Structures are given as structure tokens and as C-alpha cells.
Amino acid sequence: QLQFVESGGGLVQPGGSLRLSCAASGGTLDYYAIGWFRQAPGKEREGVSCISSSAGNTYLANSVKGRFTISRAKNTVFLQMNSLKPEDTAVYYCAASRLWSICLDAKQQRSWGRGTQVTVSL
């Protein structure tokens, strides 16, 4: 079973940047779409961005469009986050889906890592 380790989070000022990594073990990501999710305190986990298995398709939620970029290389998926805002503060997770259609459906995901904390604050 695939297992994920998210990293790269931290404390950053508004307008700053972070690059998150999602490293997978226990199998290859070659046949999976990979989604990034985030969960803020008291809120449901929400999908942020997804990249297809071939990297030919990407999706960004409206809230992060123009600021975040998703990419992948071998068994790692990256989320480059620029122009960060306080509302981006959350724990960020990644997950793998066989189907593009459920890539950002948190309820459909079977395996989660521990996540990485992103805090945007002065």
C-alpha cells in the first residue's frame, strides 16, 4: 500500500513562498493522479490541486489559482506556493487516486500521511 510523507511546511510571512514535497513509498506513483489537500482548524479537508499520472493535466482550486503550482518527478509530487496568505494556513496532505475524477475528493482517499503544517502569519 502506498504511504506518503509530506514535508516542506513552516512559518512564513504573508507574501512569502514555500515548496511542499510529497514523497511516496510502498509502490510507484506512475499510474496515479496525485492531489494536495489542506485542513484548517475546525474546517473540513479540502482539495487544493491535482496532477494527472502523466503530468499532462493539472487542476488548481480557485482559491490558489495563480499562486500555487503543482508538479511531479518520479515518486515525488511538489506544491510550489507563492504569494501566501493567512488563509492558506493549514495542515497540507497528499493522496493518490486511480481516477482523475476523484483526485480531490477527500472522502474517496484511502491513505493519508501525517501532513505538513503551513502557517502564514506576521
C-alpha atoms as a PDB file:
ATOM      1  CA  GLN A   1       0.000   0.000   0.000  1.00  0.00           C
ATOM      2  CA  LEU A   2       1.204   3.456  -0.845  1.00  0.00           C
ATOM      3  CA  GLN A   3       2.414   5.579   2.033  1.00  0.00           C
ATOM      4  CA  PHE A   4       3.069   9.293   1.905  1.00  0.00           C
ATOM      5  CA  VAL A   5       5.394  11.648   3.708  1.00  0.00           C
ATOM      6  CA  GLU A   6       4.684  15.336   3.306  1.00  0.00           C
ATOM      7  CA  SER A   7       7.367  17.903   4.060  1.00  0.00           C
ATOM      8  CA  GLY A   8       8.402  21.484   3.431  1.00  0.00           C
ATOM      9  CA  GLY A   9       5.914  23.291   5.617  1.00  0.00           C
ATOM     10  CA  GLY A  10       6.791  26.028   8.050  1.00  0.00           C
ATOM     11  CA  LEU A  11       6.094  29.529   9.253  1.00  0.00           C
ATOM     12  CA  VAL A  12       6.182  32.220   6.601  1.00  0.00           C
ATOM     13  CA  GLN A  13       5.085  35.837   6.386  1.00  0.00           C
ATOM     14  CA  PRO A  14       2.258  36.885   4.068  1.00  0.00           C
ATOM     15  CA  GLY A  15       3.557  37.155   0.544  1.00  0.00           C
ATOM     16  CA  GLY A  16       6.206  34.516   1.151  1.00  0.00           C
ATOM     17  CA  SER A  17       6.765  31.169  -0.530  1.00  0.00           C
ATOM     18  CA  LEU A  18       7.088  27.529   0.411  1.00  0.00           C
ATOM     19  CA  ARG A  19       7.651  24.370  -1.583  1.00  0.00           C
ATOM     20  CA  LEU A  20       5.917  21.267  -0.283  1.00  0.00           C
ATOM     21  CA  SER A  21       7.005  17.744  -1.171  1.00  0.00           C
ATOM     22  CA  CYS A  22       5.000  14.552  -1.134  1.00  0.00           C
ATOM     23  CA  ALA A  23       7.242  11.502  -1.162  1.00  0.00           C
ATOM     24  CA  ALA A  24       5.700   8.091  -1.716  1.00  0.00           C
ATOM     25  CA  SER A  25       6.876   4.650  -0.687  1.00  0.00           C
ATOM     26  CA  GLY A  26       5.423   1.173  -0.999  1.00  0.00           C
ATOM     27  CA  GLY A  27       4.832   1.438  -4.712  1.00  0.00           C
ATOM     28  CA  THR A  28       5.106   3.587  -7.779  1.00  0.00           C
ATOM     29  CA  LEU A  29       3.045   6.710  -8.387  1.00  0.00           C
ATOM     30  CA  ASP A  30       3.244   6.236 -12.149  1.00  0.00           C
ATOM     31  CA  TYR A  31      -0.412   5.219 -12.503  1.00  0.00           C
ATOM     32  CA  TYR A  32      -1.915   7.630 -10.025  1.00  0.00           C
ATOM     33  CA  ALA A  33      -3.233  11.137 -10.072  1.00  0.00           C
ATOM     34  CA  ILE A  34      -1.929  12.936  -7.000  1.00  0.00           C
ATOM     35  CA  GLY A  35      -3.860  15.501  -5.081  1.00  0.00           C
ATOM     36  CA  TRP A  36      -2.857  18.045  -2.480  1.00  0.00           C
ATOM     37  CA  PHE A  37      -5.346  18.754   0.274  1.00  0.00           C
ATOM     38  CA  ARG A  38      -5.392  21.056   3.261  1.00  0.00           C
ATOM     39  CA  GLN A  39      -7.248  21.199   6.525  1.00  0.00           C
ATOM     40  CA  ALA A  40      -7.502  24.288   8.664  1.00  0.00           C
ATOM     41  CA  PRO A  41      -8.566  24.075  12.328  1.00  0.00           C
ATOM     42  CA  GLY A  42     -12.290  23.476  12.609  1.00  0.00           C
ATOM     43  CA  LYS A  43     -12.743  23.019   8.873  1.00  0.00           C
ATOM     44  CA  GLU A  44     -13.132  20.051   6.577  1.00  0.00           C
ATOM     45  CA  ARG A  45     -10.253  18.788   4.498  1.00  0.00           C
ATOM     46  CA  GLU A  46     -10.397  20.418   1.071  1.00  0.00           C
ATOM     47  CA  GLY A  47      -8.758  19.671  -2.239  1.00  0.00           C
ATOM     48  CA  VAL A  48      -6.256  22.265  -3.423  1.00  0.00           C
ATOM     49  CA  SER A  49      -4.530  20.902  -6.502  1.00  0.00           C
ATOM     50  CA  CYS A  50      -4.271  17.744  -8.564  1.00  0.00           C
ATOM     51  CA  ILE A  51      -1.858  16.432 -11.187  1.00  0.00           C
ATOM     52  CA  SER A  52      -2.554  13.541 -13.520  1.00  0.00           C
ATOM     53  CA  SER A  53      -0.388  10.443 -13.753  1.00  0.00           C
ATOM     54  CA  SER A  54       1.280  11.711 -16.922  1.00  0.00           C
ATOM     55  CA  ALA A  55       1.521  15.268 -15.578  1.00  0.00           C
ATOM     56  CA  GLY A  56      -0.381  16.292 -18.679  1.00  0.00           C
ATOM     57  CA  ASN A  57      -3.284  17.660 -16.684  1.00  0.00           C
ATOM     58  CA  THR A  58      -3.289  19.823 -13.610  1.00  0.00           C
ATOM     59  CA  TYR A  59      -6.024  21.459 -11.591  1.00  0.00           C
ATOM     60  CA  LEU A  60      -5.899  24.271  -9.091  1.00  0.00           C
ATOM     61  CA  ALA A  61      -8.718  25.367  -6.827  1.00  0.00           C
ATOM     62  CA  ASN A  62      -9.851  28.938  -7.449  1.00  0.00           C
ATOM     63  CA  SER A  63      -8.535  29.975  -4.059  1.00  0.00           C
ATOM     64  CA  VAL A  64      -4.945  29.171  -5.066  1.00  0.00           C
ATOM     65  CA  LYS A  65      -5.010  29.672  -8.832  1.00  0.00           C
ATOM     66  CA  GLY A  66      -2.231  31.954  -9.975  1.00  0.00           C
ATOM     67  CA  ARG A  67      -0.271  31.435  -6.762  1.00  0.00           C
ATOM     68  CA  PHE A  68       0.315  27.677  -6.473  1.00  0.00           C
ATOM     69  CA  THR A  69       1.900  25.290  -8.957  1.00  0.00           C
ATOM     70  CA  ILE A  70       1.855  21.506  -8.846  1.00  0.00           C
ATOM     71  CA  SER A  71       4.481  19.279 -10.450  1.00  0.00           C
ATOM     72  CA  ARG A  72       5.824  15.755 -10.153  1.00  0.00           C
ATOM     73  CA  ALA A  73       9.088  13.896 -10.629  1.00  0.00           C
ATOM     74  CA  LYS A  74       9.444  10.142 -10.211  1.00  0.00           C
ATOM     75  CA  ASN A  75       7.840   9.243  -6.863  1.00  0.00           C
ATOM     76  CA  THR A  76       7.548  12.773  -5.531  1.00  0.00           C
ATOM     77  CA  VAL A  77       4.953  15.465  -6.088  1.00  0.00           C
ATOM     78  CA  PHE A  78       5.601  19.110  -5.339  1.00  0.00           C
ATOM     79  CA  LEU A  79       3.409  22.061  -4.498  1.00  0.00           C
ATOM     80  CA  GLN A  80       5.070  25.412  -5.036  1.00  0.00           C
ATOM     81  CA  MET A  81       3.198  28.027  -3.057  1.00  0.00           C
ATOM     82  CA  ASN A  82       3.837  31.699  -3.740  1.00  0.00           C
ATOM     83  CA  SER A  83       2.168  34.877  -2.512  1.00  0.00           C
ATOM     84  CA  LEU A  84       0.976  33.060   0.562  1.00  0.00           C
ATOM     85  CA  LYS A  85      -1.936  34.467   2.530  1.00  0.00           C
ATOM     86  CA  PRO A  86      -3.005  33.920   6.141  1.00  0.00           C
ATOM     87  CA  GLU A  87      -5.985  31.939   4.865  1.00  0.00           C
ATOM     88  CA  ASP A  88      -3.562  29.382   3.411  1.00  0.00           C
ATOM     89  CA  THR A  89      -2.693  28.355   6.962  1.00  0.00           C
ATOM     90  CA  ALA A  90      -3.491  24.660   7.332  1.00  0.00           C
ATOM     91  CA  VAL A  91      -2.035  21.186   7.507  1.00  0.00           C
ATOM     92  CA  TYR A  92      -1.318  20.038   3.963  1.00  0.00           C
ATOM     93  CA  TYR A  93      -1.678  16.426   2.856  1.00  0.00           C
ATOM     94  CA  CYS A  94      -1.278  14.470  -0.349  1.00  0.00           C
ATOM     95  CA  ALA A  95      -3.113  11.405  -1.612  1.00  0.00           C
ATOM     96  CA  ALA A  96      -3.208   9.202  -4.713  1.00  0.00           C
ATOM     97  CA  SER A  97      -6.171   8.305  -6.900  1.00  0.00           C
ATOM     98  CA  ARG A  98      -6.546   5.894  -9.779  1.00  0.00           C
ATOM     99  CA  LEU A  99      -9.223   8.148 -11.232  1.00  0.00           C
ATOM    100  CA  TRP A 100      -8.830  11.811 -12.158  1.00  0.00           C
ATOM    101  CA  SER A 101     -12.485  12.372 -11.309  1.00  0.00           C
ATOM    102  CA  ILE A 102     -11.961  11.735  -7.606  1.00  0.00           C
ATOM    103  CA  CYS A 103      -8.485  13.188  -7.294  1.00  0.00           C
ATOM    104  CA  LEU A 104      -9.657  15.971  -4.994  1.00  0.00           C
ATOM    105  CA  ASP A 105     -12.466  14.130  -3.233  1.00  0.00           C
ATOM    106  CA  ALA A 106     -11.101  13.730   0.283  1.00  0.00           C
ATOM    107  CA  LYS A 107     -13.735  11.161   1.220  1.00  0.00           C
ATOM    108  CA  GLN A 108     -12.568   8.851  -1.561  1.00  0.00           C
ATOM    109  CA  GLN A 109      -8.932   8.720  -0.483  1.00  0.00           C
ATOM    110  CA  ARG A 110      -7.644   5.640   1.322  1.00  0.00           C
ATOM    111  CA  SER A 111      -4.201   6.573   2.539  1.00  0.00           C
ATOM    112  CA  TRP A 112      -3.004   9.753   4.213  1.00  0.00           C
ATOM    113  CA  GLY A 113       0.335  10.853   5.523  1.00  0.00           C
ATOM    114  CA  ARG A 114       0.786  12.920   8.669  1.00  0.00           C
ATOM    115  CA  GLY A 115       0.736  16.143   6.729  1.00  0.00           C
ATOM    116  CA  THR A 116       2.934  19.210   6.975  1.00  0.00           C
ATOM    117  CA  GLN A 117       1.939  22.380   8.792  1.00  0.00           C
ATOM    118  CA  VAL A 118       1.889  25.650   6.872  1.00  0.00           C
ATOM    119  CA  THR A 119       1.434  28.802   8.902  1.00  0.00           C
ATOM    120  CA  VAL A 120       1.212  32.193   7.236  1.00  0.00           C
ATOM    121  CA  SER A 121       1.491  34.969   9.769  1.00  0.00           C
ATOM    122  CA  LEU A 122       3.389  38.133  10.600  1.00  0.00           C
END
